[in-house]
C-alpha atoms as a PDB file:
ATOM      1  CA  UNK A   1      54.143 -62.747  90.586  1.00  0.00           C
ATOM      2  CA  UNK A   2      56.384 -61.311  93.501  1.00  0.00           C
ATOM      3  CA  UNK A   3      55.935 -58.053  95.250  1.00  0.00           C
ATOM      4  CA  UNK A   4      57.140 -55.321  92.985  1.00  0.00           C
ATOM      5  CA  UNK A   5      59.380 -52.230  94.216  1.00  0.00           C
ATOM      6  CA  UNK A   6      56.844 -49.840  92.327  1.00  0.00           C
ATOM      7  CA  UNK A   7      53.559 -50.232  91.250  1.00  0.00           C
ATOM      8  CA  UNK A   8      53.216 -46.910  89.402  1.00  0.00           C
ATOM      9  CA  UNK A   9      53.456 -48.736  86.106  1.00  0.00           C
ATOM     10  CA  UNK A  10      50.251 -50.658  86.761  1.00  0.00           C
ATOM     11  CA  UNK A  11      48.482 -47.324  87.920  1.00  0.00           C
ATOM     12  CA  UNK A  12      49.567 -45.425  84.800  1.00  0.00           C
ATOM     13  CA  UNK A  13      47.849 -48.068  82.644  1.00  0.00           C
ATOM     14  CA  UNK A  14      44.366 -47.609  84.645  1.00  0.00           C
ATOM     15  CA  UNK A  15      42.207 -45.058  82.701  1.00  0.00           C
ATOM     16  CA  UNK A  16      39.233 -43.469  84.199  1.00  0.00           C
ATOM     17  CA  UNK A  17      36.492 -41.575  82.386  1.00  0.00           C
ATOM     18  CA  UNK A  18      33.885 -39.060  84.002  1.00  0.00           C
ATOM     19  CA  UNK A  19      30.719 -39.221  82.709  1.00  0.00           C
ATOM     20  CA  UNK A  20      27.619 -37.576  84.233  1.00  0.00           C
ATOM     21  CA  UNK A  21      29.303 -37.202  87.371  1.00  0.00           C
ATOM     22  CA  UNK A  22      30.398 -40.756  87.566  1.00  0.00           C
ATOM     23  CA  UNK A  23      33.859 -42.167  87.312  1.00  0.00           C
ATOM     24  CA  UNK A  24      34.162 -45.019  85.230  1.00  0.00           C
ATOM     25  CA  UNK A  25      37.005 -47.652  84.342  1.00  0.00           C
ATOM     26  CA  UNK A  26      38.008 -47.501  80.701  1.00  0.00           C
ATOM     27  CA  UNK A  27      41.295 -49.649  80.833  1.00  0.00           C
ATOM     28  CA  UNK A  28      42.738 -51.922  83.389  1.00  0.00           C
ATOM     29  CA  UNK A  29      46.014 -54.047  83.087  1.00  0.00           C
ATOM     30  CA  UNK A  30      45.300 -57.668  82.879  1.00  0.00           C
ATOM     31  CA  UNK A  31      47.541 -58.152  85.940  1.00  0.00           C
ATOM     32  CA  UNK A  32      44.730 -56.597  88.056  1.00  0.00           C
ATOM     33  CA  UNK A  33      41.126 -57.768  88.945  1.00  0.00           C
ATOM     34  CA  UNK A  34      38.509 -55.301  90.068  1.00  0.00           C
ATOM     35  CA  UNK A  35      37.052 -56.241  93.347  1.00  0.00           C
ATOM     36  CA  UNK A  36      35.374 -52.949  94.561  1.00  0.00           C
ATOM     37  CA  UNK A  37      34.504 -49.328  94.070  1.00  0.00           C
ATOM     38  CA  UNK A  38      34.102 -46.565  96.499  1.00  0.00           C
ATOM     39  CA  UNK A  39      33.166 -42.855  96.705  1.00  0.00           C
ATOM     40  CA  UNK A  40      36.858 -41.948  95.804  1.00  0.00           C
ATOM     41  CA  UNK A  41      38.530 -45.142  94.534  1.00  0.00           C
ATOM     42  CA  UNK A  42      38.649 -48.438  92.790  1.00  0.00           C
ATOM     43  CA  UNK A  43      40.134 -51.398  94.390  1.00  0.00           C
ATOM     44  CA  UNK A  44      41.815 -54.319  92.488  1.00  0.00           C
ATOM     45  CA  UNK A  45      43.216 -57.691  93.453  1.00  0.00           C
ATOM     46  CA  UNK A  46      46.737 -58.177  92.080  1.00  0.00           C
ATOM     47  CA  UNK A  47      46.935 -61.573  90.385  1.00  0.00           C
ATOM     48  CA  UNK A  48      49.254 -64.121  91.749  1.00  0.00           C
ATOM     49  CA  UNK A  49      49.656 -62.614  95.174  1.00  0.00           C
ATOM     50  CA  UNK A  50      47.621 -62.177  98.230  1.00  0.00           C
ATOM     51  CA  UNK A  51      47.571 -58.187  97.820  1.00  0.00           C
ATOM     52  CA  UNK A  52      45.249 -55.454  96.581  1.00  0.00           C
ATOM     53  CA  UNK A  53      45.823 -52.073  95.039  1.00  0.00           C
ATOM     54  CA  UNK A  54      43.573 -49.257  95.941  1.00  0.00           C
ATOM     55  CA  UNK A  55      43.779 -46.492  93.140  1.00  0.00           C
ATOM     56  CA  UNK A  56      42.103 -43.029  93.878  1.00  0.00           C
ATOM     57  CA  UNK A  57      40.623 -41.275  90.740  1.00  0.00           C
ATOM     58  CA  UNK A  58      40.676 -37.470  90.270  1.00  0.00           C
ATOM     59  CA  UNK A  59      39.973 -35.366  92.241  1.00  0.00           C
ATOM     60  CA  UNK A  60      40.588 -37.725  95.302  1.00  0.00           C
ATOM     61  CA  UNK A  61      44.355 -38.703  94.447  1.00  0.00           C
ATOM     62  CA  UNK A  62      45.415 -36.818  97.677  1.00  0.00           C
ATOM     63  CA  UNK A  63      43.583 -39.234  99.947  1.00  0.00           C
ATOM     64  CA  UNK A  64      45.954 -41.967  99.161  1.00  0.00           C
ATOM     65  CA  UNK A  65      48.564 -40.384 101.268  1.00  0.00           C
ATOM     66  CA  UNK A  66      46.264 -39.542 104.139  1.00  0.00           C
ATOM     67  CA  UNK A  67      45.044 -43.142 104.277  1.00  0.00           C
ATOM     68  CA  UNK A  68      48.446 -44.497 104.052  1.00  0.00           C
ATOM     69  CA  UNK A  69      49.606 -42.395 106.952  1.00  0.00           C
ATOM     70  CA  UNK A  70      46.630 -43.793 109.029  1.00  0.00           C
ATOM     71  CA  UNK A  71      47.509 -47.345 108.157  1.00  0.00           C
ATOM     72  CA  UNK A  72      50.980 -46.672 109.187  1.00  0.00           C
ATOM     73  CA  UNK A  73      49.821 -45.656 112.681  1.00  0.00           C
ATOM     74  CA  UNK A  74      47.842 -48.931 113.015  1.00  0.00           C
ATOM     75  CA  UNK A  75      50.460 -51.030 111.816  1.00  0.00           C
ATOM     76  CA  UNK A  76      50.613 -54.469 113.971  1.00  0.00           C
ATOM     77  CA  UNK A  77      47.184 -54.013 115.026  1.00  0.00           C
ATOM     78  CA  UNK A  78      45.501 -57.482 113.434  1.00  0.00           C
ATOM     79  CA  UNK A  79      42.273 -55.692 112.813  1.00  0.00           C
ATOM     80  CA  UNK A  80      43.670 -53.722 109.915  1.00  0.00           C
ATOM     81  CA  UNK A  81      45.437 -54.581 106.761  1.00  0.00           C
ATOM     82  CA  UNK A  82      49.160 -54.184 106.303  1.00  0.00           C
ATOM     83  CA  UNK A  83      50.227 -51.540 103.826  1.00  0.00           C
ATOM     84  CA  UNK A  84      53.503 -52.438 101.859  1.00  0.00           C
ATOM     85  CA  UNK A  85      53.747 -49.307  99.808  1.00  0.00           C
ATOM     86  CA  UNK A  86      51.941 -46.215  98.587  1.00  0.00           C
ATOM     87  CA  UNK A  87      52.215 -43.802  95.749  1.00  0.00           C
ATOM     88  CA  UNK A  88      50.759 -40.361  94.794  1.00  0.00           C
ATOM     89  CA  UNK A  89      47.243 -42.059  94.045  1.00  0.00           C
ATOM     90  CA  UNK A  90      47.566 -45.540  95.223  1.00  0.00           C
ATOM     91  CA  UNK A  91      48.224 -47.984  98.207  1.00  0.00           C
ATOM     92  CA  UNK A  92      49.213 -51.523  97.992  1.00  0.00           C
ATOM     93  CA  UNK A  93      47.854 -53.530 100.991  1.00  0.00           C
ATOM     94  CA  UNK A  94      46.957 -56.900 102.095  1.00  0.00           C
ATOM     95  CA  UNK A  95      43.984 -58.466 100.191  1.00  0.00           C
ATOM     96  CA  UNK A  96      41.392 -59.678 102.813  1.00  0.00           C
ATOM     97  CA  UNK A  97      38.959 -62.447 101.605  1.00  0.00           C
ATOM     98  CA  UNK A  98      35.683 -61.902 103.390  1.00  0.00           C
ATOM     99  CA  UNK A  99      32.261 -60.421 103.430  1.00  0.00           C
ATOM    100  CA  UNK A 100      31.255 -56.860 104.433  1.00  0.00           C
ATOM    101  CA  UNK A 101      28.667 -56.416 107.091  1.00  0.00           C
ATOM    102  CA  UNK A 102      26.455 -55.236 104.444  1.00  0.00           C
ATOM    103  CA  UNK A 103      26.876 -58.349 102.531  1.00  0.00           C
ATOM    104  CA  UNK A 104      26.170 -60.480 105.599  1.00  0.00           C
ATOM    105  CA  UNK A 105      22.835 -58.508 106.205  1.00  0.00           C
ATOM    106  CA  UNK A 106      21.806 -59.184 102.630  1.00  0.00           C
ATOM    107  CA  UNK A 107      22.745 -62.813 102.489  1.00  0.00           C
ATOM    108  CA  UNK A 108      21.415 -63.703 105.810  1.00  0.00           C
ATOM    109  CA  UNK A 109      25.009 -64.456 107.222  1.00  0.00           C
ATOM    110  CA  UNK A 110      24.855 -64.113 110.970  1.00  0.00           C
ATOM    111  CA  UNK A 111      26.448 -61.095 112.749  1.00  0.00           C
ATOM    112  CA  UNK A 112      27.248 -61.959 116.357  1.00  0.00           C
ATOM    113  CA  UNK A 113      28.180 -59.885 119.391  1.00  0.00           C
ATOM    114  CA  UNK A 114      31.680 -61.150 119.134  1.00  0.00           C
ATOM    115  CA  UNK A 115      31.953 -59.426 115.772  1.00  0.00           C
ATOM    116  CA  UNK A 116      30.664 -56.055 117.311  1.00  0.00           C
ATOM    117  CA  UNK A 117      32.960 -56.533 120.155  1.00  0.00           C
ATOM    118  CA  UNK A 118      35.877 -56.887 117.702  1.00  0.00           C
ATOM    119  CA  UNK A 119      34.842 -53.843 116.058  1.00  0.00           C
ATOM    120  CA  UNK A 120      34.868 -52.002 119.380  1.00  0.00           C
ATOM    121  CA  UNK A 121      38.460 -53.400 120.197  1.00  0.00           C
ATOM    122  CA  UNK A 122      39.791 -52.474 116.890  1.00  0.00           C
ATOM    123  CA  UNK A 123      38.399 -48.691 117.054  1.00  0.00           C
ATOM    124  CA  UNK A 124      39.754 -48.413 120.494  1.00  0.00           C
ATOM    125  CA  UNK A 125      43.295 -49.736 119.421  1.00  0.00           C
ATOM    126  CA  UNK A 126      43.107 -46.933 116.484  1.00  0.00           C
ATOM    127  CA  UNK A 127      42.195 -44.359 119.221  1.00  0.00           C
ATOM    128  CA  UNK A 128      45.210 -45.293 121.414  1.00  0.00           C
ATOM    129  CA  UNK A 129      47.313 -44.449 118.395  1.00  0.00           C
ATOM    130  CA  UNK A 130      46.065 -41.052 118.154  1.00  0.00           C
ATOM    131  CA  UNK A 131      43.394 -41.412 115.524  1.00  0.00           C
ATOM    132  CA  UNK A 132      39.754 -40.504 115.643  1.00  0.00           C
ATOM    133  CA  UNK A 133      37.715 -43.412 114.011  1.00  0.00           C
ATOM    134  CA  UNK A 134      35.015 -41.750 111.725  1.00  0.00           C
ATOM    135  CA  UNK A 135      32.848 -42.927 108.822  1.00  0.00           C
ATOM    136  CA  UNK A 136      32.710 -46.625 109.953  1.00  0.00           C
ATOM    137  CA  UNK A 137      29.961 -48.249 108.050  1.00  0.00           C
ATOM    138  CA  UNK A 138      28.620 -51.597 106.996  1.00  0.00           C
ATOM    139  CA  UNK A 139      30.863 -51.705 103.726  1.00  0.00           C
ATOM    140  CA  UNK A 140      34.284 -51.194 105.414  1.00  0.00           C
ATOM    141  CA  UNK A 141      33.656 -53.891 107.971  1.00  0.00           C
ATOM    142  CA  UNK A 142      34.796 -57.433 106.862  1.00  0.00           C
ATOM    143  CA  UNK A 143      34.294 -60.831 108.242  1.00  0.00           C
ATOM    144  CA  UNK A 144      36.662 -63.408 107.215  1.00  0.00           C
ATOM    145  CA  UNK A 145      35.770 -67.231 106.974  1.00  0.00           C
ATOM    146  CA  UNK A 146      37.207 -67.726 110.583  1.00  0.00           C
ATOM    147  CA  UNK A 147      35.026 -64.960 112.030  1.00  0.00           C
ATOM    148  CA  UNK A 148      37.702 -62.384 112.089  1.00  0.00           C
ATOM    149  CA  UNK A 149      36.865 -58.757 111.716  1.00  0.00           C
ATOM    150  CA  UNK A 150      38.914 -56.337 109.605  1.00  0.00           C
ATOM    151  CA  UNK A 151      38.557 -52.815 109.102  1.00  0.00           C
ATOM    152  CA  UNK A 152      39.429 -51.173 105.716  1.00  0.00           C
ATOM    153  CA  UNK A 153      39.075 -47.592 104.374  1.00  0.00           C
ATOM    154  CA  UNK A 154      40.380 -45.465 107.219  1.00  0.00           C
ATOM    155  CA  UNK A 155      41.315 -42.447 105.427  1.00  0.00           C
ATOM    156  CA  UNK A 156      38.800 -40.361 107.579  1.00  0.00           C
ATOM    157  CA  UNK A 157      40.324 -41.695 110.748  1.00  0.00           C
ATOM    158  CA  UNK A 158      42.411 -38.548 111.054  1.00  0.00           C
ATOM    159  CA  UNK A 159      39.528 -36.144 110.925  1.00  0.00           C
ATOM    160  CA  UNK A 160      38.926 -34.065 114.123  1.00  0.00           C
ATOM    161  CA  UNK A 161      35.100 -33.983 114.200  1.00  0.00           C
ATOM    162  CA  UNK A 162      33.175 -36.447 116.219  1.00  0.00           C
ATOM    163  CA  UNK A 163      31.428 -39.194 114.268  1.00  0.00           C
ATOM    164  CA  UNK A 164      28.594 -41.420 115.848  1.00  0.00           C
ATOM    165  CA  UNK A 165      28.129 -43.724 112.913  1.00  0.00           C
ATOM    166  CA  UNK A 166      29.461 -46.857 114.669  1.00  0.00           C
ATOM    167  CA  UNK A 167      27.685 -46.007 117.819  1.00  0.00           C
ATOM    168  CA  UNK A 168      24.339 -45.738 116.035  1.00  0.00           C
ATOM    169  CA  UNK A 169      25.099 -49.056 114.213  1.00  0.00           C
ATOM    170  CA  UNK A 170      25.792 -50.859 117.359  1.00  0.00           C
ATOM    171  CA  UNK A 171      22.642 -49.370 118.777  1.00  0.00           C
ATOM    172  CA  UNK A 172      20.599 -50.564 116.007  1.00  0.00           C
ATOM    173  CA  UNK A 173      22.191 -53.939 116.169  1.00  0.00           C
ATOM    174  CA  UNK A 174      21.499 -54.358 120.025  1.00  0.00           C
ATOM    175  CA  UNK A 175      18.032 -53.042 119.854  1.00  0.00           C
ATOM    176  CA  UNK A 176      16.786 -54.490 116.592  1.00  0.00           C
ATOM    177  CA  UNK A 177      18.893 -57.381 115.185  1.00  0.00           C
ATOM    178  CA  UNK A 178      17.776 -60.164 117.616  1.00  0.00           C
ATOM    179  CA  UNK A 179      14.134 -59.303 117.493  1.00  0.00           C
ATOM    180  CA  UNK A 180      11.419 -61.519 115.958  1.00  0.00           C
ATOM    181  CA  UNK A 181      10.560 -58.853 113.308  1.00  0.00           C
ATOM    182  CA  UNK A 182      14.208 -58.664 111.995  1.00  0.00           C
ATOM    183  CA  UNK A 183      14.383 -60.182 108.685  1.00  0.00           C
ATOM    184  CA  UNK A 184      16.978 -62.984 108.121  1.00  0.00           C
ATOM    185  CA  UNK A 185      17.973 -61.489 104.837  1.00  0.00           C
ATOM    186  CA  UNK A 186      17.463 -57.795 104.653  1.00  0.00           C
ATOM    187  CA  UNK A 187      16.442 -56.633 101.086  1.00  0.00           C
ATOM    188  CA  UNK A 188      19.056 -54.219  99.435  1.00  0.00           C
ATOM    189  CA  UNK A 189      16.379 -51.735  98.708  1.00  0.00           C
ATOM    190  CA  UNK A 190      15.426 -51.461 102.398  1.00  0.00           C
ATOM    191  CA  UNK A 191      19.202 -51.137 103.364  1.00  0.00           C
ATOM    192  CA  UNK A 192      19.596 -48.275 100.703  1.00  0.00           C
ATOM    193  CA  UNK A 193      16.407 -46.547 102.048  1.00  0.00           C
ATOM    194  CA  UNK A 194      17.526 -46.821 105.816  1.00  0.00           C
ATOM    195  CA  UNK A 195      20.931 -45.455 104.723  1.00  0.00           C
ATOM    196  CA  UNK A 196      19.398 -42.444 102.952  1.00  0.00           C
ATOM    197  CA  UNK A 197      17.199 -41.664 105.839  1.00  0.00           C
ATOM    198  CA  UNK A 198      20.120 -41.794 108.283  1.00  0.00           C
ATOM    199  CA  UNK A 199      22.116 -39.594 106.051  1.00  0.00           C
ATOM    200  CA  UNK A 200      19.382 -36.936 105.682  1.00  0.00           C
ATOM    201  CA  UNK A 201      18.891 -36.993 109.782  1.00  0.00           C
ATOM    202  CA  UNK A 202      22.811 -36.674 110.172  1.00  0.00           C
ATOM    203  CA  UNK A 203      23.288 -33.556 107.830  1.00  0.00           C
END
């Protein structure tokens, strides 16, 4: 499959259903494979091409253009995926194969200071483009097989308020990660508990 001029046809075939405050998928075209879900969108791998399409569901459709604008600002910076096109509620971008920092912690894949330094470089590069990196968390930091870090989900990089989330993660890494008591594989339930405690503190 070659890059299409317009992916609106694919997007219109995707059907969402809201039940009990949760948005579920009802229908997906066969050309797409679900690879992830976030607070405002589903992400699909486009078959036969090394690209992904991120589709925002109601009432978050407007975020697509916010994120597309931010990706345009970091164009050419190797830590961020390239965006090829966007529509009213979707973005078509590079598909990056790798593990999130969250997955690395759960599976026992070692995170190094080099990975941390790459995140710092990526965020500083975004700041130099006039952005304000925010909401940087374990799920939007990816490590590829060749140990390259990539950052995804940057819609909130254009917000004005200061966000200490990455600084807090980095501090936790430097303080605890290499200690004898830090588990090689962090249980998912523990990760979720820590996240909830952190969110309650930061409210």
